[in-house]
Amino acid sequence: MAVSISAVVLLGIVVFVLIRGGSVRLAHALACGLFGFFLASTGAAPLITDAISTLTGWISSI
C-alpha cells in the first residue's frame, strides 16, 4: 500500500512539473488521468498492479 501511495505522489509531481513547464497541456493530463481511472476498473488492473509490484520489488533489491 505504501508503494502505491508513493507512486501516486511521484506521478502527481511529474504531471504538475510537465504542466507547469508547458510540455503537457491540462486537457492532456486530464485525459490521461481519466484513462488511468477507467483502466483501474477493467480486468487489466490486477496485471498492471502485479507488474508494478514486481518492478518495485526488483528495484528495491538492487
PDB file of N, CA and C in Angstrom:
ATOM      1  N   MET A   1       0.818  -1.194   0.000  1.00  0.00           N
ATOM      2  CA  MET A   1       0.000   0.000   0.000  1.00  0.00           C
ATOM      3  C   MET A   1       0.859   1.254   0.000  1.00  0.00           C
ATOM      4  N   ALA A   2       1.934   1.251   0.740  1.00  0.00           N
ATOM      5  CA  ALA A   2       2.801   2.426   0.802  1.00  0.00           C
ATOM      6  C   ALA A   2       3.451   2.701  -0.545  1.00  0.00           C
ATOM      7  N   VAL A   3       3.741   1.645  -1.294  1.00  0.00           N
ATOM      8  CA  VAL A   3       4.367   1.832  -2.602  1.00  0.00           C
ATOM      9  C   VAL A   3       3.407   2.523  -3.553  1.00  0.00           C
ATOM     10  N   SER A   4       2.136   2.134  -3.549  1.00  0.00           N
ATOM     11  CA  SER A   4       1.188   2.761  -4.466  1.00  0.00           C
ATOM     12  C   SER A   4       0.937   4.220  -4.107  1.00  0.00           C
ATOM     13  N   ILE A   5       0.940   4.546  -2.835  1.00  0.00           N
ATOM     14  CA  ILE A   5       0.765   5.946  -2.440  1.00  0.00           C
ATOM     15  C   ILE A   5       1.978   6.753  -2.868  1.00  0.00           C
ATOM     16  N   SER A   6       3.157   6.211  -2.692  1.00  0.00           N
ATOM     17  CA  SER A   6       4.368   6.893  -3.115  1.00  0.00           C
ATOM     18  C   SER A   6       4.384   7.076  -4.633  1.00  0.00           C
ATOM     19  N   ALA A   7       3.952   6.080  -5.366  1.00  0.00           N
ATOM     20  CA  ALA A   7       3.910   6.183  -6.820  1.00  0.00           C
ATOM     21  C   ALA A   7       2.918   7.254  -7.254  1.00  0.00           C
ATOM     22  N   VAL A   8       1.795   7.342  -6.581  1.00  0.00           N
ATOM     23  CA  VAL A   8       0.798   8.362  -6.916  1.00  0.00           C
ATOM     24  C   VAL A   8       1.364   9.751  -6.657  1.00  0.00           C
ATOM     25  N   VAL A   9       2.036   9.926  -5.541  1.00  0.00           N
ATOM     26  CA  VAL A   9       2.630  11.228  -5.229  1.00  0.00           C
ATOM     27  C   VAL A   9       3.706  11.571  -6.253  1.00  0.00           C
ATOM     28  N   LEU A  10       4.566  10.621  -6.566  1.00  0.00           N
ATOM     29  CA  LEU A  10       5.633  10.846  -7.538  1.00  0.00           C
ATOM     30  C   LEU A  10       5.067  11.194  -8.910  1.00  0.00           C
ATOM     31  N   LEU A  11       4.090  10.434  -9.371  1.00  0.00           N
ATOM     32  CA  LEU A  11       3.488  10.703 -10.674  1.00  0.00           C
ATOM     33  C   LEU A  11       2.733  12.031 -10.676  1.00  0.00           C
ATOM     34  N   GLY A  12       2.115  12.372  -9.560  1.00  0.00           N
ATOM     35  CA  GLY A  12       1.447  13.663  -9.461  1.00  0.00           C
ATOM     36  C   GLY A  12       2.426  14.818  -9.583  1.00  0.00           C
ATOM     37  N   ILE A  13       3.579  14.685  -8.961  1.00  0.00           N
ATOM     38  CA  ILE A  13       4.607  15.721  -9.064  1.00  0.00           C
ATOM     39  C   ILE A  13       5.123  15.830 -10.495  1.00  0.00           C
ATOM     40  N   VAL A  14       5.340  14.694 -11.141  1.00  0.00           N
ATOM     41  CA  VAL A  14       5.805  14.701 -12.532  1.00  0.00           C
ATOM     42  C   VAL A  14       4.790  15.392 -13.434  1.00  0.00           C
ATOM     43  N   VAL A  15       3.510  15.058 -13.273  1.00  0.00           N
ATOM     44  CA  VAL A  15       2.468  15.686 -14.097  1.00  0.00           C
ATOM     45  C   VAL A  15       2.414  17.187 -13.822  1.00  0.00           C
ATOM     46  N   PHE A  16       2.502  17.585 -12.571  1.00  0.00           N
ATOM     47  CA  PHE A  16       2.476  19.003 -12.222  1.00  0.00           C
ATOM     48  C   PHE A  16       3.635  19.748 -12.886  1.00  0.00           C
ATOM     49  N   VAL A  17       4.833  19.177 -12.820  1.00  0.00           N
ATOM     50  CA  VAL A  17       6.004  19.815 -13.430  1.00  0.00           C
ATOM     51  C   VAL A  17       5.854  19.891 -14.947  1.00  0.00           C
ATOM     52  N   LEU A  18       5.336  18.840 -15.559  1.00  0.00           N
ATOM     53  CA  LEU A  18       5.144  18.860 -17.008  1.00  0.00           C
ATOM     54  C   LEU A  18       4.107  19.894 -17.435  1.00  0.00           C
ATOM     55  N   ILE A  19       3.048  20.022 -16.655  1.00  0.00           N
ATOM     56  CA  ILE A  19       2.033  21.028 -16.977  1.00  0.00           C
ATOM     57  C   ILE A  19       2.616  22.428 -16.817  1.00  0.00           C
ATOM     58  N   ARG A  20       3.323  22.667 -15.718  1.00  0.00           N
ATOM     59  CA  ARG A  20       3.906  23.989 -15.477  1.00  0.00           C
ATOM     60  C   ARG A  20       4.970  24.325 -16.514  1.00  0.00           C
ATOM     61  N   GLY A  21       5.706  23.324 -16.981  1.00  0.00           N
ATOM     62  CA  GLY A  21       6.755  23.550 -17.976  1.00  0.00           C
ATOM     63  C   GLY A  21       6.219  23.716 -19.381  1.00  0.00           C
ATOM     64  N   GLY A  22       4.961  23.445 -19.588  1.00  0.00           N
ATOM     65  CA  GLY A  22       4.369  23.606 -20.901  1.00  0.00           C
ATOM     66  C   GLY A  22       4.503  22.387 -21.795  1.00  0.00           C
ATOM     67  N   SER A  23       5.083  21.308 -21.274  1.00  0.00           N
ATOM     68  CA  SER A  23       5.252  20.101 -22.076  1.00  0.00           C
ATOM     69  C   SER A  23       3.938  19.358 -22.277  1.00  0.00           C
ATOM     70  N   VAL A  24       3.053  19.463 -21.297  1.00  0.00           N
ATOM     71  CA  VAL A  24       1.764  18.780 -21.350  1.00  0.00           C
ATOM     72  C   VAL A  24       0.680  19.801 -21.038  1.00  0.00           C
ATOM     73  N   ARG A  25      -0.336  19.809 -21.838  1.00  0.00           N
ATOM     74  CA  ARG A  25      -1.454  20.717 -21.581  1.00  0.00           C
ATOM     75  C   ARG A  25      -2.386  20.076 -20.550  1.00  0.00           C
ATOM     76  N   LEU A  26      -3.143  20.914 -19.873  1.00  0.00           N
ATOM     77  CA  LEU A  26      -4.032  20.443 -18.821  1.00  0.00           C
ATOM     78  C   LEU A  26      -5.038  19.425 -19.357  1.00  0.00           C
ATOM     79  N   ALA A  27      -5.570  19.656 -20.538  1.00  0.00           N
ATOM     80  CA  ALA A  27      -6.540  18.721 -21.120  1.00  0.00           C
ATOM     81  C   ALA A  27      -5.918  17.352 -21.357  1.00  0.00           C
ATOM     82  N   HIS A  28      -4.657  17.319 -21.774  1.00  0.00           N
ATOM     83  CA  HIS A  28      -3.985  16.039 -21.991  1.00  0.00           C
ATOM     84  C   HIS A  28      -3.765  15.301 -20.671  1.00  0.00           C
ATOM     85  N   ALA A  29      -3.376  16.041 -19.648  1.00  0.00           N
ATOM     86  CA  ALA A  29      -3.173  15.433 -18.333  1.00  0.00           C
ATOM     87  C   ALA A  29      -4.484  14.885 -17.780  1.00  0.00           C
ATOM     88  N   LEU A  30      -5.576  15.622 -17.968  1.00  0.00           N
ATOM     89  CA  LEU A  30      -6.875  15.135 -17.504  1.00  0.00           C
ATOM     90  C   LEU A  30      -7.299  13.887 -18.275  1.00  0.00           C
ATOM     91  N   ALA A  31      -7.057  13.873 -19.575  1.00  0.00           N
ATOM     92  CA  ALA A  31      -7.394  12.695 -20.376  1.00  0.00           C
ATOM     93  C   ALA A  31      -6.602  11.478 -19.909  1.00  0.00           C
ATOM     94  N   CYS A  32      -5.322  11.658 -19.623  1.00  0.00           N
ATOM     95  CA  CYS A  32      -4.507  10.546 -19.133  1.00  0.00           C
ATOM     96  C   CYS A  32      -4.968  10.076 -17.759  1.00  0.00           C
ATOM     97  N   GLY A  33      -5.333  11.023 -16.904  1.00  0.00           N
ATOM     98  CA  GLY A  33      -5.836  10.667 -15.579  1.00  0.00           C
ATOM     99  C   GLY A  33      -7.137   9.890 -15.652  1.00  0.00           C
ATOM    100  N   LEU A  34      -8.046  10.341 -16.502  1.00  0.00           N
ATOM    101  CA  LEU A  34      -9.310   9.620 -16.672  1.00  0.00           C
ATOM    102  C   LEU A  34      -9.085   8.239 -17.274  1.00  0.00           C
ATOM    103  N   PHE A  35      -8.146   8.144 -18.217  1.00  0.00           N
ATOM    104  CA  PHE A  35      -7.821   6.844 -18.793  1.00  0.00           C
ATOM    105  C   PHE A  35      -7.337   5.886 -17.717  1.00  0.00           C
ATOM    106  N   GLY A  36      -6.453   6.357 -16.854  1.00  0.00           N
ATOM    107  CA  GLY A  36      -5.956   5.527 -15.760  1.00  0.00           C
ATOM    108  C   GLY A  36      -7.059   5.145 -14.783  1.00  0.00           C
ATOM    109  N   PHE A  37      -7.938   6.094 -14.507  1.00  0.00           N
ATOM    110  CA  PHE A  37      -9.054   5.826 -13.596  1.00  0.00           C
ATOM    111  C   PHE A  37      -9.949   4.722 -14.147  1.00  0.00           C
ATOM    112  N   PHE A  38     -10.312   4.818 -15.419  1.00  0.00           N
ATOM    113  CA  PHE A  38     -11.181   3.807 -16.010  1.00  0.00           C
ATOM    114  C   PHE A  38     -10.442   2.496 -16.264  1.00  0.00           C
ATOM    115  N   LEU A  39      -9.147   2.562 -16.539  1.00  0.00           N
ATOM    116  CA  LEU A  39      -8.351   1.346 -16.718  1.00  0.00           C
ATOM    117  C   LEU A  39      -8.289   0.548 -15.428  1.00  0.00           C
ATOM    118  N   ALA A  40      -8.300   1.247 -14.289  1.00  0.00           N
ATOM    119  CA  ALA A  40      -8.229   0.571 -12.993  1.00  0.00           C
ATOM    120  C   ALA A  40      -9.454  -0.288 -12.729  1.00  0.00           C
ATOM    121  N   SER A  41     -10.553  -0.029 -13.405  1.00  0.00           N
ATOM    122  CA  SER A  41     -11.763  -0.822 -13.178  1.00  0.00           C
ATOM    123  C   SER A  41     -11.927  -1.949 -14.195  1.00  0.00           C
ATOM    124  N   THR A  42     -10.931  -2.178 -15.035  1.00  0.00           N
ATOM    125  CA  THR A  42     -11.014  -3.251 -16.019  1.00  0.00           C
ATOM    126  C   THR A  42     -10.296  -4.493 -15.509  1.00  0.00           C
ATOM    127  N   GLY A  43     -10.315  -5.520 -16.299  1.00  0.00           N
ATOM    128  CA  GLY A  43      -9.626  -6.761 -15.948  1.00  0.00           C
ATOM    129  C   GLY A  43      -8.114  -6.654 -16.017  1.00  0.00           C
ATOM    130  N   ALA A  44      -7.617  -5.591 -16.624  1.00  0.00           N
ATOM    131  CA  ALA A  44      -6.169  -5.412 -16.735  1.00  0.00           C
ATOM    132  C   ALA A  44      -5.551  -4.875 -15.445  1.00  0.00           C
ATOM    133  N   ALA A  45      -6.351  -4.381 -14.533  1.00  0.00           N
ATOM    134  CA  ALA A  45      -5.834  -3.762 -13.313  1.00  0.00           C
ATOM    135  C   ALA A  45      -4.967  -4.713 -12.475  1.00  0.00           C
ATOM    136  N   PRO A  46      -5.386  -5.964 -12.238  1.00  0.00           N
ATOM    137  CA  PRO A  46      -4.523  -6.852 -11.449  1.00  0.00           C
ATOM    138  C   PRO A  46      -3.182  -7.133 -12.126  1.00  0.00           C
ATOM    139  N   LEU A  47      -3.184  -7.263 -13.442  1.00  0.00           N
ATOM    140  CA  LEU A  47      -1.943  -7.497 -14.177  1.00  0.00           C
ATOM    141  C   LEU A  47      -1.001  -6.303 -14.040  1.00  0.00           C
ATOM    142  N   ILE A  48      -1.539  -5.107 -14.162  1.00  0.00           N
ATOM    143  CA  ILE A  48      -0.727  -3.897 -14.038  1.00  0.00           C
ATOM    144  C   ILE A  48      -0.195  -3.758 -12.617  1.00  0.00           C
ATOM    145  N   THR A  49      -1.037  -4.020 -11.632  1.00  0.00           N
ATOM    146  CA  THR A  49      -0.611  -3.940 -10.229  1.00  0.00           C
ATOM    147  C   THR A  49       0.500  -4.942  -9.936  1.00  0.00           C
ATOM    148  N   ASP A  50       0.355  -6.161 -10.427  1.00  0.00           N
ATOM    149  CA  ASP A  50       1.392  -7.173 -10.227  1.00  0.00           C
ATOM    150  C   ASP A  50       2.696  -6.780 -10.902  1.00  0.00           C
ATOM    151  N   ALA A  51       2.617  -6.239 -12.111  1.00  0.00           N
ATOM    152  CA  ALA A  51       3.822  -5.825 -12.833  1.00  0.00           C
ATOM    153  C   ALA A  51       4.542  -4.704 -12.095  1.00  0.00           C
ATOM    154  N   ILE A  52       3.794  -3.736 -11.580  1.00  0.00           N
ATOM    155  CA  ILE A  52       4.406  -2.624 -10.842  1.00  0.00           C
ATOM    156  C   ILE A  52       5.004  -3.125  -9.534  1.00  0.00           C
ATOM    157  N   SER A  53       4.313  -4.036  -8.858  1.00  0.00           N
ATOM    158  CA  SER A  53       4.851  -4.605  -7.616  1.00  0.00           C
ATOM    159  C   SER A  53       6.137  -5.380  -7.874  1.00  0.00           C
ATOM    160  N   THR A  54       6.167  -6.137  -8.952  1.00  0.00           N
ATOM    161  CA  THR A  54       7.371  -6.883  -9.308  1.00  0.00           C
ATOM    162  C   THR A  54       8.517  -5.937  -9.624  1.00  0.00           C
ATOM    163  N   LEU A  55       8.225  -4.894 -10.378  1.00  0.00           N
ATOM    164  CA  LEU A  55       9.254  -3.925 -10.750  1.00  0.00           C
ATOM    165  C   LEU A  55       9.799  -3.202  -9.523  1.00  0.00           C
ATOM    166  N   THR A  56       8.922  -2.751  -8.620  1.00  0.00           N
ATOM    167  CA  THR A  56       9.399  -2.062  -7.438  1.00  0.00           C
ATOM    168  C   THR A  56      10.155  -3.008  -6.502  1.00  0.00           C
ATOM    169  N   GLY A  57       9.736  -4.259  -6.437  1.00  0.00           N
ATOM    170  CA  GLY A  57      10.470  -5.244  -5.648  1.00  0.00           C
ATOM    171  C   GLY A  57      11.858  -5.495  -6.222  1.00  0.00           C
ATOM    172  N   TRP A  58      11.938  -5.525  -7.544  1.00  0.00           N
ATOM    173  CA  TRP A  58      13.215  -5.739  -8.212  1.00  0.00           C
ATOM    174  C   TRP A  58      14.139  -4.541  -7.970  1.00  0.00           C
ATOM    175  N   ILE A  59      13.582  -3.335  -8.059  1.00  0.00           N
ATOM    176  CA  ILE A  59      14.387  -2.129  -7.864  1.00  0.00           C
ATOM    177  C   ILE A  59      14.866  -2.035  -6.413  1.00  0.00           C
ATOM    178  N   SER A  60      14.005  -2.391  -5.465  1.00  0.00           N
ATOM    179  CA  SER A  60      14.412  -2.304  -4.052  1.00  0.00           C
ATOM    180  C   SER A  60      15.457  -3.350  -3.677  1.00  0.00           C
ATOM    181  N   SER A  61      15.549  -4.426  -4.453  1.00  0.00           N
ATOM    182  CA  SER A  61      16.549  -5.459  -4.141  1.00  0.00           C
ATOM    183  C   SER A  61      17.936  -5.122  -4.682  1.00  0.00           C
ATOM    184  N   ILE A  62      18.022  -4.070  -5.467  1.00  0.00           N
ATOM    185  CA  ILE A  62      19.335  -3.678  -6.031  1.00  0.00           C
ATOM    186  C   ILE A  62      20.151  -2.949  -5.004  1.00  0.00           C
TER     187      ILE A  62
END
